[in-house]
N, C-alpha and C. Protein backbone atom coordinates (compact mmCIF):
# COMPACT_ATOMS: atom_id res chain seq x y z
N UNK A 1 -8.77 0.54 -24.35
CA UNK A 1 -8.68 1.67 -25.24
C UNK A 1 -8.05 2.83 -24.48
N UNK A 2 -6.91 3.27 -24.94
CA UNK A 2 -6.19 4.36 -24.29
C UNK A 2 -6.71 5.69 -24.80
N UNK A 3 -6.88 6.59 -23.88
CA UNK A 3 -7.34 7.93 -24.22
C UNK A 3 -6.20 8.90 -23.95
N UNK A 4 -6.13 9.90 -24.77
CA UNK A 4 -5.10 10.91 -24.56
C UNK A 4 -5.69 12.07 -23.79
N UNK A 5 -4.82 12.71 -23.03
CA UNK A 5 -5.23 13.84 -22.22
C UNK A 5 -4.45 15.05 -22.70
N UNK A 6 -5.15 16.07 -23.10
CA UNK A 6 -4.51 17.29 -23.58
C UNK A 6 -4.83 18.41 -22.62
N UNK A 7 -3.79 18.85 -21.92
CA UNK A 7 -3.94 19.92 -20.94
C UNK A 7 -2.75 20.86 -21.08
N UNK A 8 -3.01 22.12 -20.97
CA UNK A 8 -1.93 23.10 -20.98
C UNK A 8 -1.75 23.59 -19.56
N UNK A 9 -0.55 23.39 -19.04
CA UNK A 9 -0.25 23.78 -17.67
C UNK A 9 0.70 24.97 -17.71
N UNK A 10 0.41 25.96 -16.88
CA UNK A 10 1.23 27.16 -16.84
C UNK A 10 2.63 26.83 -16.33
N UNK A 11 3.62 27.38 -16.98
CA UNK A 11 5.02 27.11 -16.63
C UNK A 11 5.33 27.48 -15.18
N UNK A 12 4.88 28.62 -14.65
CA UNK A 12 5.18 28.93 -13.24
C UNK A 12 4.61 27.90 -12.26
N UNK A 13 3.45 27.34 -12.58
CA UNK A 13 2.87 26.31 -11.72
C UNK A 13 3.72 25.04 -11.72
N UNK A 14 4.22 24.68 -12.89
CA UNK A 14 5.07 23.49 -12.99
C UNK A 14 6.38 23.72 -12.24
N UNK A 15 6.95 24.89 -12.39
CA UNK A 15 8.20 25.22 -11.69
C UNK A 15 7.98 25.14 -10.18
N UNK A 16 6.90 25.73 -9.72
CA UNK A 16 6.60 25.71 -8.28
C UNK A 16 6.43 24.28 -7.78
N UNK A 17 5.72 23.45 -8.53
CA UNK A 17 5.50 22.05 -8.13
C UNK A 17 6.81 21.27 -8.11
N UNK A 18 7.67 21.50 -9.10
CA UNK A 18 8.96 20.80 -9.14
C UNK A 18 9.87 21.26 -7.99
N UNK A 19 9.84 22.55 -7.69
CA UNK A 19 10.65 23.05 -6.56
C UNK A 19 10.19 22.42 -5.25
N UNK A 20 8.88 22.31 -5.07
CA UNK A 20 8.34 21.69 -3.86
C UNK A 20 8.74 20.21 -3.78
N UNK A 21 8.67 19.52 -4.91
CA UNK A 21 9.04 18.11 -4.93
C UNK A 21 10.52 17.93 -4.65
N UNK A 22 11.35 18.81 -5.18
CA UNK A 22 12.79 18.75 -4.94
C UNK A 22 13.10 18.92 -3.46
N UNK A 23 12.44 19.87 -2.81
CA UNK A 23 12.64 20.08 -1.38
C UNK A 23 12.16 18.86 -0.57
N UNK A 24 11.05 18.27 -0.99
CA UNK A 24 10.54 17.08 -0.30
C UNK A 24 11.53 15.93 -0.41
N UNK A 25 12.05 15.72 -1.61
CA UNK A 25 13.03 14.64 -1.82
C UNK A 25 14.27 14.86 -0.97
N UNK A 26 14.75 16.09 -0.94
CA UNK A 26 15.96 16.40 -0.16
C UNK A 26 15.72 16.20 1.34
N UNK A 27 14.57 16.65 1.84
CA UNK A 27 14.31 16.49 3.27
C UNK A 27 14.07 15.03 3.64
N UNK A 28 13.38 14.28 2.76
CA UNK A 28 13.16 12.86 3.02
C UNK A 28 14.48 12.11 3.05
N UNK A 29 15.37 12.44 2.13
CA UNK A 29 16.67 11.77 2.09
C UNK A 29 17.52 12.14 3.31
N UNK A 30 17.44 13.39 3.73
CA UNK A 30 18.21 13.84 4.89
C UNK A 30 17.75 13.16 6.17
N UNK A 31 16.45 12.89 6.28
CA UNK A 31 15.92 12.27 7.50
C UNK A 31 15.86 10.75 7.41
N UNK A 32 16.33 10.19 6.31
CA UNK A 32 16.26 8.75 6.10
C UNK A 32 17.06 7.97 7.13
N UNK A 33 18.25 8.41 7.48
CA UNK A 33 19.08 7.70 8.45
C UNK A 33 18.41 7.68 9.83
N UNK A 34 17.85 8.80 10.22
CA UNK A 34 17.15 8.88 11.51
C UNK A 34 15.92 7.97 11.52
N UNK A 35 15.15 7.99 10.43
CA UNK A 35 13.97 7.13 10.33
C UNK A 35 14.36 5.65 10.35
N UNK A 36 15.44 5.31 9.68
CA UNK A 36 15.90 3.92 9.65
C UNK A 36 16.35 3.48 11.04
N UNK A 37 17.01 4.36 11.78
CA UNK A 37 17.43 4.03 13.15
C UNK A 37 16.22 3.78 14.04
N UNK A 38 15.19 4.60 13.90
CA UNK A 38 13.96 4.41 14.68
C UNK A 38 13.30 3.09 14.31
N UNK A 39 13.29 2.77 13.02
CA UNK A 39 12.69 1.52 12.58
C UNK A 39 13.47 0.32 13.14
N UNK A 40 14.78 0.38 13.08
CA UNK A 40 15.60 -0.73 13.60
C UNK A 40 15.38 -0.91 15.10
N UNK A 41 15.23 0.18 15.84
CA UNK A 41 14.96 0.08 17.28
C UNK A 41 13.59 -0.55 17.51
N UNK A 42 12.60 -0.14 16.74
CA UNK A 42 11.27 -0.72 16.85
C UNK A 42 11.30 -2.21 16.49
N UNK A 43 12.11 -2.57 15.53
CA UNK A 43 12.25 -3.98 15.13
C UNK A 43 12.90 -4.80 16.25
N UNK A 44 13.91 -4.24 16.90
CA UNK A 44 14.55 -4.94 18.03
C UNK A 44 13.56 -5.11 19.17
N UNK A 45 12.78 -4.08 19.45
CA UNK A 45 11.75 -4.17 20.50
C UNK A 45 10.72 -5.24 20.14
N UNK A 46 10.34 -5.32 18.87
CA UNK A 46 9.40 -6.32 18.42
C UNK A 46 9.97 -7.74 18.59
N UNK A 47 11.24 -7.90 18.22
CA UNK A 47 11.88 -9.21 18.36
C UNK A 47 11.90 -9.64 19.84
N UNK A 48 12.15 -8.70 20.71
CA UNK A 48 12.13 -8.99 22.14
C UNK A 48 10.72 -9.38 22.58
N UNK A 49 9.72 -8.67 22.12
CA UNK A 49 8.33 -8.97 22.46
C UNK A 49 7.92 -10.35 21.93
N UNK A 50 8.41 -10.72 20.73
CA UNK A 50 8.11 -12.04 20.18
C UNK A 50 8.74 -13.12 21.05
N UNK A 51 9.97 -12.88 21.48
CA UNK A 51 10.63 -13.83 22.38
C UNK A 51 9.88 -13.99 23.69
N UNK A 52 9.45 -12.90 24.26
CA UNK A 52 8.68 -12.95 25.51
C UNK A 52 7.36 -13.68 25.30
N UNK A 53 6.72 -13.44 24.14
CA UNK A 53 5.48 -14.13 23.82
C UNK A 53 5.71 -15.64 23.71
N UNK A 54 6.80 -16.02 23.04
CA UNK A 54 7.10 -17.45 22.86
C UNK A 54 7.38 -18.12 24.19
N UNK A 55 8.14 -17.47 25.05
CA UNK A 55 8.47 -18.04 26.35
C UNK A 55 7.21 -18.16 27.21
N UNK A 56 6.36 -17.17 27.17
CA UNK A 56 5.13 -17.19 27.97
C UNK A 56 4.17 -18.28 27.50
N UNK A 57 4.26 -18.65 26.22
CA UNK A 57 3.33 -19.63 25.66
C UNK A 57 4.00 -20.95 25.28
N UNK A 58 5.15 -21.22 25.83
CA UNK A 58 5.88 -22.43 25.47
C UNK A 58 5.09 -23.69 25.82
N UNK A 59 4.21 -23.63 26.79
CA UNK A 59 3.40 -24.80 27.16
C UNK A 59 2.46 -25.20 26.02
N UNK A 60 2.10 -24.26 25.16
CA UNK A 60 1.21 -24.54 24.03
C UNK A 60 1.98 -24.97 22.78
N UNK A 61 3.29 -25.02 22.86
CA UNK A 61 4.14 -25.30 21.71
C UNK A 61 4.02 -26.74 21.25
N UNK A 62 4.25 -26.94 19.96
CA UNK A 62 4.22 -28.26 19.35
C UNK A 62 5.48 -28.45 18.51
N UNK A 63 5.76 -29.72 18.19
CA UNK A 63 6.84 -30.05 17.27
C UNK A 63 8.19 -29.49 17.73
N UNK A 64 8.63 -29.87 18.93
CA UNK A 64 9.92 -29.42 19.46
C UNK A 64 11.06 -30.06 18.67
N UNK A 65 12.06 -29.26 18.36
CA UNK A 65 13.27 -29.74 17.71
C UNK A 65 14.45 -29.14 18.45
N UNK A 66 15.44 -29.94 18.73
CA UNK A 66 16.63 -29.44 19.43
C UNK A 66 17.87 -29.82 18.64
N UNK A 67 18.88 -29.01 18.80
CA UNK A 67 20.16 -29.26 18.14
C UNK A 67 21.25 -28.81 19.10
N UNK A 68 22.03 -29.78 19.60
CA UNK A 68 23.11 -29.45 20.53
C UNK A 68 24.42 -29.48 19.76
N UNK A 69 25.18 -28.40 19.89
CA UNK A 69 26.50 -28.31 19.25
C UNK A 69 27.54 -28.44 20.35
N UNK A 70 28.17 -29.60 20.40
CA UNK A 70 29.11 -29.86 21.49
C UNK A 70 30.41 -29.06 21.36
N UNK A 71 30.76 -28.71 20.15
CA UNK A 71 32.03 -28.01 19.96
C UNK A 71 32.01 -26.61 20.56
N UNK A 72 30.85 -25.97 20.63
CA UNK A 72 30.79 -24.66 21.30
C UNK A 72 29.75 -24.64 22.42
N UNK A 73 29.25 -25.82 22.75
CA UNK A 73 28.33 -26.00 23.88
C UNK A 73 27.10 -25.09 23.79
N UNK A 74 26.45 -25.13 22.64
CA UNK A 74 25.21 -24.36 22.47
C UNK A 74 24.07 -25.30 22.13
N UNK A 75 22.90 -24.92 22.58
CA UNK A 75 21.70 -25.69 22.32
C UNK A 75 20.70 -24.80 21.58
N UNK A 76 20.23 -25.27 20.45
CA UNK A 76 19.23 -24.56 19.67
C UNK A 76 17.91 -25.28 19.86
N UNK A 77 16.88 -24.57 20.32
CA UNK A 77 15.55 -25.14 20.50
C UNK A 77 14.62 -24.44 19.52
N UNK A 78 13.91 -25.26 18.75
CA UNK A 78 12.99 -24.75 17.74
C UNK A 78 11.64 -25.41 17.98
N UNK A 79 10.56 -24.64 17.92
CA UNK A 79 9.23 -25.21 18.10
C UNK A 79 8.20 -24.39 17.35
N UNK A 80 7.05 -24.99 17.15
CA UNK A 80 5.95 -24.31 16.46
C UNK A 80 4.93 -23.86 17.48
N UNK A 81 4.44 -22.66 17.29
CA UNK A 81 3.47 -22.08 18.21
C UNK A 81 2.38 -21.42 17.40
N UNK A 82 1.15 -21.82 17.64
CA UNK A 82 0.02 -21.21 16.95
C UNK A 82 -0.50 -20.07 17.81
N UNK A 83 -0.63 -18.90 17.17
CA UNK A 83 -1.08 -17.73 17.91
C UNK A 83 -2.16 -17.02 17.11
N UNK A 84 -3.14 -16.50 17.81
CA UNK A 84 -4.14 -15.70 17.13
C UNK A 84 -3.58 -14.31 16.90
N UNK A 85 -4.14 -13.59 15.94
CA UNK A 85 -3.61 -12.28 15.57
C UNK A 85 -3.59 -11.28 16.71
N UNK A 86 -4.58 -11.29 17.55
CA UNK A 86 -4.65 -10.33 18.64
C UNK A 86 -3.61 -10.56 19.71
N UNK A 87 -3.17 -11.82 19.86
CA UNK A 87 -2.20 -12.15 20.90
C UNK A 87 -0.77 -11.86 20.48
N UNK A 88 -0.49 -12.01 19.21
CA UNK A 88 0.88 -11.90 18.71
C UNK A 88 1.26 -10.43 18.52
N UNK A 89 2.48 -10.04 18.93
CA UNK A 89 2.91 -8.64 18.77
C UNK A 89 2.94 -8.22 17.29
N UNK A 90 2.49 -7.04 17.02
CA UNK A 90 2.46 -6.53 15.64
C UNK A 90 3.86 -6.14 15.19
N UNK A 91 4.23 -6.59 14.01
CA UNK A 91 5.55 -6.27 13.46
C UNK A 91 5.57 -4.83 12.96
N UNK A 92 6.63 -4.08 13.27
CA UNK A 92 6.71 -2.70 12.78
C UNK A 92 6.94 -2.66 11.27
N UNK A 93 6.48 -1.60 10.64
CA UNK A 93 6.68 -1.41 9.21
C UNK A 93 7.36 -0.07 8.98
N UNK A 94 8.04 0.01 7.85
CA UNK A 94 8.66 1.28 7.48
C UNK A 94 7.55 2.20 6.96
N UNK A 95 7.44 3.36 7.52
CA UNK A 95 6.45 4.34 7.04
C UNK A 95 7.17 5.47 6.29
N UNK A 96 8.29 5.10 5.69
CA UNK A 96 9.08 6.05 4.90
C UNK A 96 9.66 5.30 3.72
N UNK A 97 10.08 6.03 2.71
CA UNK A 97 10.66 5.44 1.53
C UNK A 97 12.17 5.38 1.67
N UNK A 98 12.73 4.21 1.39
CA UNK A 98 14.17 4.04 1.42
C UNK A 98 14.70 4.39 0.03
N UNK A 99 15.61 5.36 -0.02
CA UNK A 99 16.15 5.82 -1.29
C UNK A 99 17.67 5.67 -1.26
N UNK A 100 18.20 4.95 -2.25
CA UNK A 100 19.64 4.77 -2.34
C UNK A 100 20.30 6.03 -2.90
N UNK A 101 21.58 6.17 -2.65
CA UNK A 101 22.32 7.36 -3.06
C UNK A 101 22.21 7.61 -4.57
N UNK A 102 22.38 6.58 -5.39
CA UNK A 102 22.34 6.78 -6.84
C UNK A 102 20.95 7.20 -7.31
N UNK A 103 19.90 6.67 -6.69
CA UNK A 103 18.54 7.07 -7.04
C UNK A 103 18.30 8.52 -6.67
N UNK A 104 18.75 8.88 -5.48
CA UNK A 104 18.61 10.27 -5.01
C UNK A 104 19.33 11.22 -5.96
N UNK A 105 20.58 10.90 -6.29
CA UNK A 105 21.36 11.76 -7.20
C UNK A 105 20.68 11.90 -8.55
N UNK A 106 20.17 10.80 -9.07
CA UNK A 106 19.52 10.83 -10.37
C UNK A 106 18.26 11.69 -10.35
N UNK A 107 17.45 11.53 -9.32
CA UNK A 107 16.21 12.31 -9.22
C UNK A 107 16.51 13.80 -9.07
N UNK A 108 17.45 14.14 -8.21
CA UNK A 108 17.79 15.54 -7.98
C UNK A 108 18.34 16.16 -9.27
N UNK A 109 19.20 15.43 -9.96
CA UNK A 109 19.77 15.94 -11.22
C UNK A 109 18.68 16.18 -12.26
N UNK A 110 17.77 15.22 -12.42
CA UNK A 110 16.72 15.37 -13.42
C UNK A 110 15.79 16.53 -13.09
N UNK A 111 15.41 16.66 -11.83
CA UNK A 111 14.51 17.76 -11.45
C UNK A 111 15.22 19.10 -11.60
N UNK A 112 16.48 19.16 -11.19
CA UNK A 112 17.26 20.40 -11.31
C UNK A 112 17.41 20.80 -12.77
N UNK A 113 17.71 19.83 -13.62
CA UNK A 113 17.83 20.13 -15.06
C UNK A 113 16.51 20.63 -15.63
N UNK A 114 15.41 19.99 -15.26
CA UNK A 114 14.10 20.42 -15.74
C UNK A 114 13.79 21.84 -15.26
N UNK A 115 14.11 22.11 -14.00
CA UNK A 115 13.87 23.46 -13.47
C UNK A 115 14.70 24.50 -14.21
N UNK A 116 15.96 24.18 -14.48
CA UNK A 116 16.82 25.13 -15.20
C UNK A 116 16.27 25.44 -16.58
N UNK A 117 15.81 24.42 -17.27
CA UNK A 117 15.25 24.62 -18.61
C UNK A 117 13.94 25.40 -18.55
N UNK A 118 13.08 25.05 -17.61
CA UNK A 118 11.79 25.74 -17.51
C UNK A 118 11.95 27.20 -17.11
N UNK A 119 12.96 27.50 -16.31
CA UNK A 119 13.19 28.90 -15.91
C UNK A 119 13.70 29.75 -17.07
N UNK A 120 14.32 29.12 -18.06
CA UNK A 120 14.86 29.87 -19.20
C UNK A 120 13.85 30.08 -20.31
N UNK A 121 12.75 29.34 -20.29
CA UNK A 121 11.79 29.43 -21.39
C UNK A 121 10.92 30.68 -21.29
N UNK A 122 10.48 31.13 -22.46
CA UNK A 122 9.56 32.25 -22.53
C UNK A 122 8.13 31.75 -22.74
N UNK A 123 7.96 30.45 -22.89
CA UNK A 123 6.63 29.86 -23.11
C UNK A 123 5.78 30.01 -21.85
N UNK A 124 4.52 30.32 -22.05
CA UNK A 124 3.61 30.47 -20.92
C UNK A 124 3.11 29.14 -20.40
N UNK A 125 3.08 28.13 -21.28
CA UNK A 125 2.62 26.80 -20.88
C UNK A 125 3.70 25.77 -21.20
N UNK A 126 3.60 24.62 -20.53
CA UNK A 126 4.55 23.53 -20.73
C UNK A 126 3.96 22.58 -21.75
N UNK A 127 4.76 22.19 -22.74
CA UNK A 127 4.24 21.31 -23.79
C UNK A 127 4.11 19.87 -23.29
N UNK A 128 3.41 19.06 -24.06
CA UNK A 128 3.08 17.69 -23.64
C UNK A 128 4.31 16.81 -23.45
N UNK A 129 5.29 16.92 -24.32
CA UNK A 129 6.47 16.05 -24.19
C UNK A 129 7.27 16.38 -22.92
N UNK A 130 7.35 17.64 -22.57
CA UNK A 130 8.03 18.03 -21.34
C UNK A 130 7.25 17.54 -20.13
N UNK A 131 5.95 17.70 -20.17
CA UNK A 131 5.11 17.22 -19.06
C UNK A 131 5.24 15.71 -18.88
N UNK A 132 5.34 15.00 -19.99
CA UNK A 132 5.47 13.55 -19.92
C UNK A 132 6.77 13.16 -19.22
N UNK A 133 7.85 13.89 -19.49
CA UNK A 133 9.14 13.55 -18.91
C UNK A 133 9.26 13.95 -17.44
N UNK A 134 8.49 14.94 -16.99
CA UNK A 134 8.59 15.36 -15.59
C UNK A 134 7.40 14.93 -14.74
N UNK A 135 6.39 14.34 -15.36
CA UNK A 135 5.18 13.97 -14.64
C UNK A 135 5.44 13.00 -13.50
N UNK A 136 6.45 12.15 -13.62
CA UNK A 136 6.74 11.19 -12.56
C UNK A 136 7.15 11.87 -11.26
N UNK A 137 7.58 13.10 -11.32
CA UNK A 137 8.02 13.82 -10.11
C UNK A 137 6.94 14.69 -9.51
N UNK A 138 5.88 14.92 -10.25
CA UNK A 138 4.81 15.80 -9.76
C UNK A 138 3.79 15.04 -8.96
């Protein structure tokens, strides 16, 4: 059973919240490349740690598989290794949101348009339909 919520929110409060959200989106997008570079470096370090872990524990390995490619003289060695959680290096995770250019442009345009309209109104409160359309950004 869906319930409706009827609340009147003051227009200046909504404007202030949208302005803050717009600044947050812009700063997050601006720092996205730097955050992604840090994540990629952490991922490379993790891959190196996984390799070191595998080499250190190769004696415990099972199910060895090899593939020699004579045309370029490379040997691929594949094996299974059981590791407990505490022993295995923890994989890094992204602690930031990845936002594509078109998503960023769309969000900025929608928030900017909403701000422009709200700044022109003489209404003291924001009506329900407007709140519904901007609520995803608040």
